[in-house]
C-alpha cells in the first residue's frame, strides 16, 4: 500500500490491530526504523486477528462438524461397521487455513521485526529476515550478531543474541518448523478435526470432537501462548535496542 508523498496517511485500525501500537509506536523511533515499526505493528495485529479466528473456529467445532456426522449417521442407518477400524477426520478448510495463516504470520512478523537490528545499526550489514542457516532457525542473524557487530554496539549485539537464543528454545523454533512442515508437507498433513465415535444401544454416538494439537496443547491454546511469547520477545528485543 503506497500513498503520494503530499498526502497524510490516515489508518483506520481494526480492533485487533490496536494493541500492537502499544508495543510498536512509530513515534518512538527515528526515520530509519519508523517504517519497520509500522510493519511490525501491522503484522503483530495479524497475529492477534488470526489467533481470535482460530479460537472462534474451535468454539464452533460442533457446528462445523454437524453435516459430516449426519452423513455418517445416514450410512450407519443403512449398514453398521466396526467403528474401531477407522479414524474419522472432518475436512474443515477454514480450520487448516487459519492455522496456516497464524504460523505464516509468525514467520512474517519475525522476518520484519529483526530488520530493526539493521536499521538501528547494531551490525554493519543489512538484515533481510529471520532466515535459517542450515537447520538453525534464525541462524544467519545469530551469526551476524556474533561476527558483524559494530564496535560501539557489541554489548547490545551480545544481549540480542542471548534474547534470541532464549526465545528460539521457548517458542520460535517450534512455530517456524511447524509452519515449514505445513508449507512443505511430507505425507498426510492437512489439519482436521477428528470425531470420537461409539455405539450405544445400537446407535452411532458422537462422544467428542478432537482438536488439532501442537505438543500437548490444542492449537487454540498454542496460538494464545505463542502470541504471549511474541509480545514478551518484542519487548525484550526493543529493550535491548533502546538501552543506551
Protein backbone atom coordinates (compact mmCIF):
# COMPACT_ATOMS: atom_id res chain seq x y z
CA UNK A 1 0.00 0.00 0.00
CA UNK A 2 1.51 3.31 -1.09
CA UNK A 3 0.34 6.88 -0.72
CA UNK A 4 1.54 10.04 -2.53
CA UNK A 5 4.13 12.00 -0.59
CA UNK A 6 1.91 15.09 -0.38
CA UNK A 7 -0.91 13.13 1.31
CA UNK A 8 -1.19 12.35 5.01
CA UNK A 9 -1.96 8.63 5.56
CA UNK A 10 -4.88 8.07 7.91
CA UNK A 11 -5.01 4.50 9.21
CA UNK A 12 -8.42 3.35 10.45
CA UNK A 13 -7.44 0.45 12.65
CA UNK A 14 -9.28 -2.81 13.11
CA UNK A 15 -9.82 -3.58 16.80
CA UNK A 16 -7.34 -6.46 16.63
CA UNK A 17 -4.57 -4.14 15.43
CA UNK A 18 -4.94 -1.51 18.15
CA UNK A 19 -3.00 -3.36 20.92
CA UNK A 20 0.00 -3.71 18.59
CA UNK A 21 0.67 0.01 18.74
CA UNK A 22 1.22 -0.12 22.49
CA UNK A 23 4.36 -2.14 21.64
CA UNK A 24 5.25 -0.69 18.24
CA UNK A 25 4.74 3.06 18.35
CA UNK A 26 6.31 4.67 15.26
CA UNK A 27 6.59 8.00 17.10
CA UNK A 28 9.23 6.46 19.38
CA UNK A 29 11.64 5.74 16.51
CA UNK A 30 13.73 7.74 14.08
CA UNK A 31 13.21 7.73 10.34
CA UNK A 32 15.41 4.69 9.63
CA UNK A 33 13.33 2.39 11.82
CA UNK A 34 9.91 4.06 11.65
CA UNK A 35 8.71 2.13 8.58
CA UNK A 36 9.85 -1.19 10.08
CA UNK A 37 7.99 -0.42 13.30
CA UNK A 38 4.84 0.31 11.27
CA UNK A 39 5.18 -3.09 9.57
CA UNK A 40 5.77 -4.76 12.94
CA UNK A 41 2.52 -3.32 14.28
CA UNK A 42 0.61 -4.45 11.19
CA UNK A 43 1.95 -8.00 11.36
CA UNK A 44 1.53 -8.27 15.12
CA UNK A 45 -2.09 -7.19 14.60
CA UNK A 46 -2.47 -10.06 12.13
CA UNK A 47 -1.25 -12.46 14.81
CA UNK A 48 -3.92 -11.18 17.18
CA UNK A 49 -6.60 -11.46 14.49
CA UNK A 50 -5.69 -14.99 13.35
CA UNK A 51 -5.44 -16.17 16.97
CA UNK A 52 -9.00 -14.99 17.55
CA UNK A 53 -10.11 -16.61 14.30
CA UNK A 54 -8.69 -19.96 15.44
CA UNK A 55 -10.41 -19.60 18.82
CA UNK A 56 -13.77 -18.91 17.12
CA UNK A 57 -13.39 -21.96 14.87
CA UNK A 58 -12.56 -24.20 17.81
CA UNK A 59 -15.54 -22.91 19.79
CA UNK A 60 -17.79 -23.74 16.82
CA UNK A 61 -16.32 -27.18 16.17
CA UNK A 62 -19.63 -29.00 16.80
CA UNK A 63 -21.47 -26.79 14.32
CA UNK A 64 -18.73 -27.13 11.71
CA UNK A 65 -18.72 -30.93 12.05
CA UNK A 66 -22.51 -31.42 12.12
CA UNK A 67 -23.03 -32.20 8.44
CA UNK A 68 -20.18 -34.73 8.43
CA UNK A 69 -21.60 -36.54 11.45
CA UNK A 70 -25.09 -36.55 9.91
CA UNK A 71 -23.61 -38.16 6.81
CA UNK A 72 -22.13 -40.91 8.98
CA UNK A 73 -25.48 -41.37 10.69
CA UNK A 74 -27.15 -41.96 7.32
CA UNK A 75 -24.56 -44.54 6.39
CA UNK A 76 -24.89 -46.17 9.82
CA UNK A 77 -28.62 -46.45 9.26
CA UNK A 78 -28.02 -48.35 6.03
CA UNK A 79 -25.27 -50.66 7.30
CA UNK A 80 -23.26 -50.69 10.54
CA UNK A 81 -19.49 -51.22 10.57
CA UNK A 82 -16.73 -51.81 13.10
CA UNK A 83 -16.00 -48.32 14.39
CA UNK A 84 -12.57 -49.09 15.83
CA UNK A 85 -11.14 -49.96 12.42
CA UNK A 86 -11.16 -46.34 11.23
CA UNK A 87 -10.29 -42.80 12.20
CA UNK A 88 -12.85 -40.15 11.31
CA UNK A 89 -11.38 -36.89 10.02
CA UNK A 90 -13.56 -33.89 9.25
CA UNK A 91 -12.31 -31.63 6.50
CA UNK A 92 -12.96 -28.02 7.55
CA UNK A 93 -10.99 -25.78 5.16
CA UNK A 94 -11.16 -22.69 7.38
CA UNK A 95 -9.51 -24.69 10.19
CA UNK A 96 -6.48 -25.55 8.08
CA UNK A 97 -6.27 -22.07 6.59
CA UNK A 98 -6.49 -20.34 9.99
CA UNK A 99 -3.70 -22.46 11.47
CA UNK A 100 -1.50 -21.98 8.40
CA UNK A 101 -2.25 -18.24 8.44
CA UNK A 102 -1.25 -17.94 12.08
CA UNK A 103 2.05 -19.79 11.66
CA UNK A 104 2.85 -17.92 8.44
CA UNK A 105 2.09 -14.64 10.22
CA UNK A 106 4.54 -15.62 12.97
CA UNK A 107 7.31 -16.11 10.41
CA UNK A 108 6.48 -12.88 8.56
CA UNK A 109 6.42 -10.97 11.85
CA UNK A 110 9.86 -12.32 12.78
CA UNK A 111 11.25 -11.51 9.32
CA UNK A 112 10.09 -7.90 9.65
CA UNK A 113 10.87 -7.38 13.33
CA UNK A 114 14.53 -8.41 13.22
CA UNK A 115 15.19 -5.86 10.45
CA UNK A 116 15.31 -3.32 13.31
CA UNK A 117 18.70 -4.78 14.22
CA UNK A 118 19.95 -3.47 10.90
CA UNK A 119 18.16 -0.11 10.87
CA UNK A 120 19.34 0.56 14.43
CA UNK A 121 22.89 -0.14 13.19
CA UNK A 122 23.69 -2.86 15.71
CA UNK A 123 25.53 -4.71 12.97
CA UNK A 124 27.39 -3.46 9.90
CA UNK A 125 25.22 -5.27 7.35
CA UNK A 126 21.55 -5.14 6.40
CA UNK A 127 19.18 -7.69 7.95
CA UNK A 128 16.77 -9.19 5.41
CA UNK A 129 14.85 -11.55 7.68
CA UNK A 130 14.91 -14.29 10.28
CA UNK A 131 16.40 -16.87 7.93
CA UNK A 132 17.80 -20.30 8.62
CA UNK A 133 21.44 -21.24 8.38
CA UNK A 134 21.41 -24.95 7.70
CA UNK A 135 18.81 -26.32 10.11
CA UNK A 136 19.17 -23.48 12.62
CA UNK A 137 16.15 -21.16 12.65
CA UNK A 138 17.44 -17.58 12.61
CA UNK A 139 20.96 -18.90 12.27
CA UNK A 140 22.02 -16.24 9.76
CA UNK A 141 21.09 -13.43 12.14
CA UNK A 142 22.81 -15.08 15.10
CA UNK A 143 25.98 -15.43 13.06
CA UNK A 144 25.79 -11.76 12.04
CA UNK A 145 25.38 -10.70 15.67
CA UNK A 146 28.49 -12.70 16.53
CA UNK A 147 30.65 -11.59 13.61
CA UNK A 148 29.36 -8.27 12.27
CA UNK A 149 28.51 -6.18 15.32
CA UNK A 150 29.59 -2.55 15.15
CA UNK A 151 32.29 -1.73 17.68
CA UNK A 152 30.06 0.70 19.58
CA UNK A 153 27.23 -1.83 19.77
CA UNK A 154 28.99 -5.10 20.61
CA UNK A 155 27.33 -5.27 24.04
CA UNK A 156 23.88 -4.76 22.51
CA UNK A 157 24.66 -7.46 19.95
CA UNK A 158 25.58 -9.89 22.73
CA UNK A 159 22.36 -9.06 24.60
CA UNK A 160 20.25 -9.53 21.46
CA UNK A 161 21.97 -12.83 20.70
CA UNK A 162 21.15 -14.05 24.21
CA UNK A 163 17.48 -12.97 23.93
CA UNK A 164 17.03 -14.61 20.52
CA UNK A 165 18.61 -17.91 21.62
CA UNK A 166 16.35 -17.94 24.69
CA UNK A 167 13.18 -17.37 22.66
CA UNK A 168 14.23 -19.83 19.97
CA UNK A 169 14.18 -22.54 22.62
CA UNK A 170 10.91 -21.33 24.16
CA UNK A 171 8.76 -20.99 21.03
CA UNK A 172 10.35 -19.65 17.85
CA UNK A 173 11.91 -22.87 16.55
CA UNK A 174 8.69 -24.77 17.18
CA UNK A 175 6.50 -22.22 15.39
CA UNK A 176 8.79 -21.78 12.37
CA UNK A 177 9.41 -25.52 11.91
CA UNK A 178 5.68 -26.28 12.15
CA UNK A 179 4.99 -23.58 9.57
CA UNK A 180 7.63 -25.07 7.26
CA UNK A 181 6.08 -28.51 7.67
CA UNK A 182 2.68 -27.20 6.54
CA UNK A 183 4.13 -25.34 3.57
CA UNK A 184 6.35 -28.26 2.53
CA UNK A 185 4.25 -31.24 3.64
CA UNK A 186 5.51 -34.78 3.98
CA UNK A 187 2.61 -37.22 3.76
CA UNK A 188 -0.86 -36.52 5.18
CA UNK A 189 -0.62 -33.00 6.57
CA UNK A 190 -3.98 -31.28 6.26
CA UNK A 191 -5.24 -30.09 9.63
CA UNK A 192 -8.66 -31.51 10.52
CA UNK A 193 -10.97 -32.24 13.42
CA UNK A 194 -11.35 -35.88 14.45
CA UNK A 195 -14.65 -37.43 15.52
CA UNK A 196 -14.55 -39.79 18.51
CA UNK A 197 -17.44 -42.23 17.92
CA UNK A 198 -19.01 -45.08 19.82
CA UNK A 199 -22.01 -47.39 19.55
CA UNK A 200 -24.63 -47.11 22.29
CA UNK A 201 -27.69 -49.32 22.23
CA UNK A 202 -27.25 -49.81 18.51
CA UNK A 203 -26.98 -46.09 17.77
CA UNK A 204 -24.00 -44.17 16.49
CA UNK A 205 -22.88 -41.69 19.15
CA UNK A 206 -20.56 -38.68 18.88
CA UNK A 207 -18.52 -38.75 22.08
CA UNK A 208 -16.16 -35.90 21.35
CA UNK A 209 -14.54 -33.78 18.67
CA UNK A 210 -10.77 -33.91 18.98
CA UNK A 211 -8.99 -30.67 18.13
CA UNK A 212 -5.57 -30.43 16.46
CA UNK A 213 -2.76 -30.30 18.99
CA UNK A 214 0.79 -28.99 18.85
CA UNK A 215 2.81 -30.68 21.55
CA UNK A 216 0.40 -31.18 24.44
CA UNK A 217 -1.76 -28.11 23.67
CA UNK A 218 -4.78 -27.78 21.42
CA UNK A 219 -3.89 -25.30 18.72
CA UNK A 220 -6.15 -22.53 20.01
CA UNK A 221 -4.24 -22.61 23.31
CA UNK A 222 -0.94 -22.96 21.45
CA UNK A 223 -1.75 -19.83 19.43
CA UNK A 224 -2.61 -17.85 22.57
CA UNK A 225 0.62 -18.97 24.23
CA UNK A 226 2.66 -18.12 21.13
CA UNK A 227 1.07 -14.68 20.92
CA UNK A 228 2.08 -14.01 24.53
CA UNK A 229 5.63 -15.17 23.81
CA UNK A 230 5.76 -12.90 20.74
CA UNK A 231 4.83 -9.93 22.92
CA UNK A 232 7.49 -10.76 25.51
CA UNK A 233 10.07 -11.30 22.76
CA UNK A 234 9.18 -7.96 21.18
CA UNK A 235 9.54 -6.08 24.43
CA UNK A 236 12.82 -7.87 25.25
CA UNK A 237 14.37 -7.03 21.87
CA UNK A 238 13.16 -3.42 21.97
CA UNK A 239 14.63 -3.04 25.46
CA UNK A 240 17.98 -4.27 24.13
CA UNK A 241 17.83 -1.92 21.16
CA UNK A 242 16.81 1.17 23.16
CA UNK A 243 19.16 0.55 26.08
CA UNK A 244 21.80 3.29 25.87
